[in-house]
N, C-alpha and C. Protein backbone atom coordinates (compact mmCIF):
# COMPACT_ATOMS: atom_id res chain seq x y z
N MET A 1 0.84 -1.15 0.00
CA MET A 1 0.00 0.00 0.00
C MET A 1 0.90 1.24 0.00
N MET A 2 0.51 2.20 -0.81
CA MET A 2 1.28 3.44 -0.87
C MET A 2 0.68 4.44 0.12
N THR A 3 1.54 5.15 0.81
CA THR A 3 1.08 6.15 1.77
C THR A 3 1.60 7.51 1.34
N PRO A 4 0.90 8.57 1.75
CA PRO A 4 1.37 9.90 1.39
C PRO A 4 2.62 10.28 2.18
N TYR A 5 3.34 11.25 1.67
CA TYR A 5 4.50 11.76 2.40
C TYR A 5 3.98 12.56 3.59
N PRO A 6 4.51 12.29 4.82
CA PRO A 6 4.00 12.99 6.00
C PRO A 6 4.29 14.50 5.98
N ASP A 7 5.48 14.89 5.60
CA ASP A 7 5.87 16.30 5.50
C ASP A 7 6.48 16.52 4.13
N PRO A 8 5.65 16.63 3.10
CA PRO A 8 6.20 16.70 1.75
C PRO A 8 6.94 18.01 1.49
N VAL A 9 8.04 17.89 0.78
CA VAL A 9 8.76 19.09 0.35
C VAL A 9 8.12 19.54 -0.97
N PRO A 10 8.13 20.83 -1.25
CA PRO A 10 7.56 21.29 -2.52
C PRO A 10 8.21 20.58 -3.69
N GLY A 11 7.41 20.21 -4.64
CA GLY A 11 7.92 19.49 -5.81
C GLY A 11 7.24 18.15 -5.95
N PRO A 12 8.02 17.12 -6.29
CA PRO A 12 7.42 15.80 -6.57
C PRO A 12 6.63 15.21 -5.41
N GLN A 13 7.10 15.39 -4.18
CA GLN A 13 6.37 14.81 -3.05
C GLN A 13 5.01 15.46 -2.87
N ALA A 14 4.96 16.78 -2.95
CA ALA A 14 3.69 17.49 -2.82
C ALA A 14 2.77 17.15 -4.00
N LEU A 15 3.33 17.02 -5.18
CA LEU A 15 2.54 16.66 -6.36
C LEU A 15 1.99 15.23 -6.26
N PHE A 16 2.67 14.38 -5.52
CA PHE A 16 2.19 13.02 -5.31
C PHE A 16 1.03 13.00 -4.31
N ASN A 17 1.14 13.78 -3.24
CA ASN A 17 0.15 13.73 -2.16
C ASN A 17 -1.25 14.14 -2.60
N LEU A 18 -1.38 15.14 -3.45
CA LEU A 18 -2.71 15.61 -3.85
C LEU A 18 -3.51 14.53 -4.59
N PRO A 19 -2.99 13.94 -5.67
CA PRO A 19 -3.77 12.88 -6.33
C PRO A 19 -3.98 11.66 -5.42
N HIS A 20 -2.99 11.42 -4.56
CA HIS A 20 -3.13 10.29 -3.62
C HIS A 20 -4.33 10.50 -2.72
N SER A 21 -4.48 11.70 -2.16
CA SER A 21 -5.60 11.95 -1.25
C SER A 21 -6.92 11.94 -2.00
N ARG A 22 -6.96 12.45 -3.22
CA ARG A 22 -8.20 12.42 -4.00
C ARG A 22 -8.62 10.99 -4.32
N THR A 23 -7.66 10.15 -4.66
CA THR A 23 -7.96 8.76 -4.95
C THR A 23 -8.45 8.05 -3.70
N ARG A 24 -7.81 8.33 -2.57
CA ARG A 24 -8.22 7.70 -1.32
C ARG A 24 -9.66 8.05 -0.96
N VAL A 25 -10.05 9.29 -1.17
CA VAL A 25 -11.43 9.71 -0.89
C VAL A 25 -12.40 8.91 -1.76
N LYS A 26 -12.09 8.76 -3.03
CA LYS A 26 -12.98 8.00 -3.93
C LYS A 26 -13.09 6.54 -3.51
N VAL A 27 -11.96 5.96 -3.12
CA VAL A 27 -11.97 4.56 -2.68
C VAL A 27 -12.81 4.41 -1.42
N GLU A 28 -12.65 5.32 -0.47
CA GLU A 28 -13.42 5.23 0.78
C GLU A 28 -14.91 5.44 0.53
N MET A 29 -15.26 6.33 -0.40
CA MET A 29 -16.67 6.53 -0.73
C MET A 29 -17.26 5.27 -1.37
N THR A 30 -16.48 4.65 -2.25
CA THR A 30 -16.93 3.42 -2.91
C THR A 30 -17.16 2.32 -1.88
N LEU A 31 -16.23 2.16 -0.95
CA LEU A 31 -16.39 1.14 0.10
C LEU A 31 -17.61 1.45 0.97
N GLY A 32 -17.88 2.73 1.22
CA GLY A 32 -19.06 3.10 1.98
C GLY A 32 -20.35 2.70 1.27
N ILE A 33 -20.37 2.86 -0.05
CA ILE A 33 -21.55 2.45 -0.83
C ILE A 33 -21.74 0.94 -0.74
N LEU A 34 -20.63 0.19 -0.85
CA LEU A 34 -20.73 -1.27 -0.76
C LEU A 34 -21.19 -1.70 0.64
N LYS A 35 -20.70 -1.02 1.67
CA LYS A 35 -21.10 -1.35 3.04
C LYS A 35 -22.57 -1.02 3.28
N ALA A 36 -23.08 0.00 2.58
CA ALA A 36 -24.49 0.33 2.72
C ALA A 36 -25.39 -0.71 2.07
N ARG A 37 -24.91 -1.34 1.03
CA ARG A 37 -25.73 -2.33 0.30
C ARG A 37 -25.57 -3.74 0.87
N PHE A 38 -24.37 -4.09 1.29
CA PHE A 38 -24.08 -5.47 1.73
C PHE A 38 -23.56 -5.50 3.15
N GLN A 39 -23.82 -6.59 3.84
CA GLN A 39 -23.34 -6.78 5.21
C GLN A 39 -21.89 -7.25 5.27
N CYS A 40 -21.47 -8.03 4.28
CA CYS A 40 -20.17 -8.70 4.38
C CYS A 40 -18.96 -7.76 4.48
N PRO A 41 -18.93 -6.56 3.87
CA PRO A 41 -17.74 -5.72 4.03
C PRO A 41 -17.60 -5.09 5.42
N ARG A 42 -18.63 -5.14 6.22
CA ARG A 42 -18.55 -4.55 7.56
C ARG A 42 -17.80 -5.46 8.49
N GLY A 43 -16.73 -4.97 9.08
CA GLY A 43 -15.96 -5.76 10.02
C GLY A 43 -15.32 -6.98 9.41
N LEU A 44 -14.88 -6.86 8.18
CA LEU A 44 -14.29 -7.98 7.45
C LEU A 44 -12.96 -8.37 8.09
N ARG A 45 -12.85 -9.56 8.60
CA ARG A 45 -11.63 -10.05 9.26
C ARG A 45 -11.20 -11.36 8.61
N VAL A 46 -10.61 -11.23 7.42
CA VAL A 46 -10.15 -12.40 6.68
C VAL A 46 -8.80 -12.06 6.05
N SER A 47 -8.23 -13.03 5.37
CA SER A 47 -6.95 -12.79 4.71
C SER A 47 -7.13 -11.76 3.59
N PRO A 48 -6.07 -11.08 3.19
CA PRO A 48 -6.18 -10.10 2.10
C PRO A 48 -6.73 -10.71 0.81
N GLU A 49 -6.34 -11.93 0.51
CA GLU A 49 -6.83 -12.58 -0.71
C GLU A 49 -8.35 -12.80 -0.63
N ARG A 50 -8.80 -13.25 0.51
CA ARG A 50 -10.23 -13.50 0.72
C ARG A 50 -11.01 -12.18 0.71
N ALA A 51 -10.45 -11.14 1.31
CA ALA A 51 -11.10 -9.83 1.32
C ALA A 51 -11.22 -9.29 -0.10
N CYS A 52 -10.20 -9.50 -0.91
CA CYS A 52 -10.23 -9.05 -2.30
C CYS A 52 -11.34 -9.78 -3.07
N ASP A 53 -11.44 -11.09 -2.87
CA ASP A 53 -12.50 -11.87 -3.54
C ASP A 53 -13.89 -11.41 -3.09
N SER A 54 -14.05 -11.17 -1.81
CA SER A 54 -15.34 -10.75 -1.27
C SER A 54 -15.72 -9.37 -1.81
N THR A 55 -14.75 -8.46 -1.85
CA THR A 55 -15.01 -7.12 -2.37
C THR A 55 -15.36 -7.16 -3.85
N ALA A 56 -14.63 -7.98 -4.61
CA ALA A 56 -14.92 -8.10 -6.04
C ALA A 56 -16.33 -8.65 -6.26
N ALA A 57 -16.74 -9.62 -5.46
CA ALA A 57 -18.09 -10.18 -5.58
C ALA A 57 -19.14 -9.11 -5.27
N CYS A 58 -18.90 -8.29 -4.25
CA CYS A 58 -19.84 -7.22 -3.91
C CYS A 58 -19.94 -6.20 -5.05
N VAL A 59 -18.81 -5.88 -5.67
CA VAL A 59 -18.81 -4.92 -6.78
C VAL A 59 -19.62 -5.47 -7.95
N VAL A 60 -19.42 -6.74 -8.27
CA VAL A 60 -20.17 -7.36 -9.37
C VAL A 60 -21.66 -7.33 -9.06
N LEU A 61 -22.04 -7.74 -7.87
CA LEU A 61 -23.46 -7.75 -7.50
C LEU A 61 -24.03 -6.33 -7.46
N HIS A 62 -23.23 -5.38 -7.01
CA HIS A 62 -23.68 -3.98 -6.98
C HIS A 62 -23.95 -3.47 -8.40
N ASN A 63 -23.12 -3.89 -9.36
CA ASN A 63 -23.31 -3.46 -10.75
C ASN A 63 -24.49 -4.17 -11.42
N ILE A 64 -24.83 -5.36 -10.94
CA ILE A 64 -25.97 -6.10 -11.49
C ILE A 64 -27.29 -5.55 -10.93
N ALA A 65 -27.27 -5.05 -9.72
CA ALA A 65 -28.49 -4.61 -9.04
C ALA A 65 -29.32 -3.61 -9.86
N PRO A 66 -28.73 -2.58 -10.46
CA PRO A 66 -29.57 -1.65 -11.26
C PRO A 66 -30.22 -2.32 -12.46
N MET A 67 -29.57 -3.32 -13.02
CA MET A 67 -30.14 -4.04 -14.16
C MET A 67 -31.41 -4.79 -13.75
N ARG A 68 -31.48 -5.14 -12.48
CA ARG A 68 -32.64 -5.86 -11.95
C ARG A 68 -33.68 -4.91 -11.36
N GLY A 69 -33.40 -3.62 -11.45
CA GLY A 69 -34.35 -2.63 -10.95
C GLY A 69 -34.26 -2.35 -9.47
N GLU A 70 -33.19 -2.77 -8.82
CA GLU A 70 -33.05 -2.51 -7.39
C GLU A 70 -32.56 -1.09 -7.17
N ARG A 71 -33.03 -0.48 -6.11
CA ARG A 71 -32.64 0.89 -5.81
C ARG A 71 -31.28 0.94 -5.12
N SER A 72 -30.63 2.06 -5.30
CA SER A 72 -29.34 2.30 -4.66
C SER A 72 -29.54 2.45 -3.16
N PRO A 73 -28.61 1.96 -2.35
CA PRO A 73 -28.76 2.12 -0.89
C PRO A 73 -28.73 3.59 -0.49
N LEU A 74 -28.02 4.43 -1.24
CA LEU A 74 -28.00 5.84 -0.91
C LEU A 74 -29.37 6.47 -1.16
N LEU A 75 -30.05 6.07 -2.20
CA LEU A 75 -31.38 6.57 -2.49
C LEU A 75 -32.36 6.12 -1.40
N LEU A 76 -32.22 4.88 -0.97
CA LEU A 76 -33.10 4.37 0.09
C LEU A 76 -32.87 5.12 1.40
N MET A 77 -31.60 5.45 1.69
CA MET A 77 -31.30 6.19 2.91
C MET A 77 -31.90 7.59 2.85
N LYS A 78 -31.84 8.24 1.68
CA LYS A 78 -32.43 9.57 1.54
C LYS A 78 -33.95 9.50 1.72
N MET A 79 -34.56 8.47 1.16
CA MET A 79 -36.01 8.32 1.29
C MET A 79 -36.39 8.09 2.75
N ALA A 80 -35.60 7.31 3.46
CA ALA A 80 -35.89 7.05 4.88
C ALA A 80 -35.77 8.32 5.71
N LYS A 81 -34.78 9.16 5.40
CA LYS A 81 -34.62 10.41 6.13
C LYS A 81 -35.82 11.32 5.91
N ARG A 82 -36.33 11.36 4.69
CA ARG A 82 -37.50 12.20 4.39
C ARG A 82 -38.72 11.71 5.18
N ASN A 83 -38.86 10.40 5.33
CA ASN A 83 -40.01 9.84 6.04
C ASN A 83 -39.95 10.12 7.54
N LEU A 84 -38.73 10.32 8.07
CA LEU A 84 -38.59 10.59 9.50
C LEU A 84 -38.96 12.02 9.85
N LYS A 85 -38.94 12.91 8.88
CA LYS A 85 -39.24 14.32 9.16
C LYS A 85 -40.70 14.57 9.35
């Protein structure tokens, strides 16, 4: 896993940190979407290989869900919030 430079000097290190942090945000948002739809990514305590397989399966199922007419978990959460008001 690549980590950002803790105290980057101006130049290549600083130029590396910005795209790194943007990519990390996208990855974390994607994992949040998968956790909202499926139970298995929550508290996953398995080997890295097994975690990769489980995540890939969730991504495939997540991409199939709209084809079957299932709603996005984010849409369902928004609808639930509106009903609570």
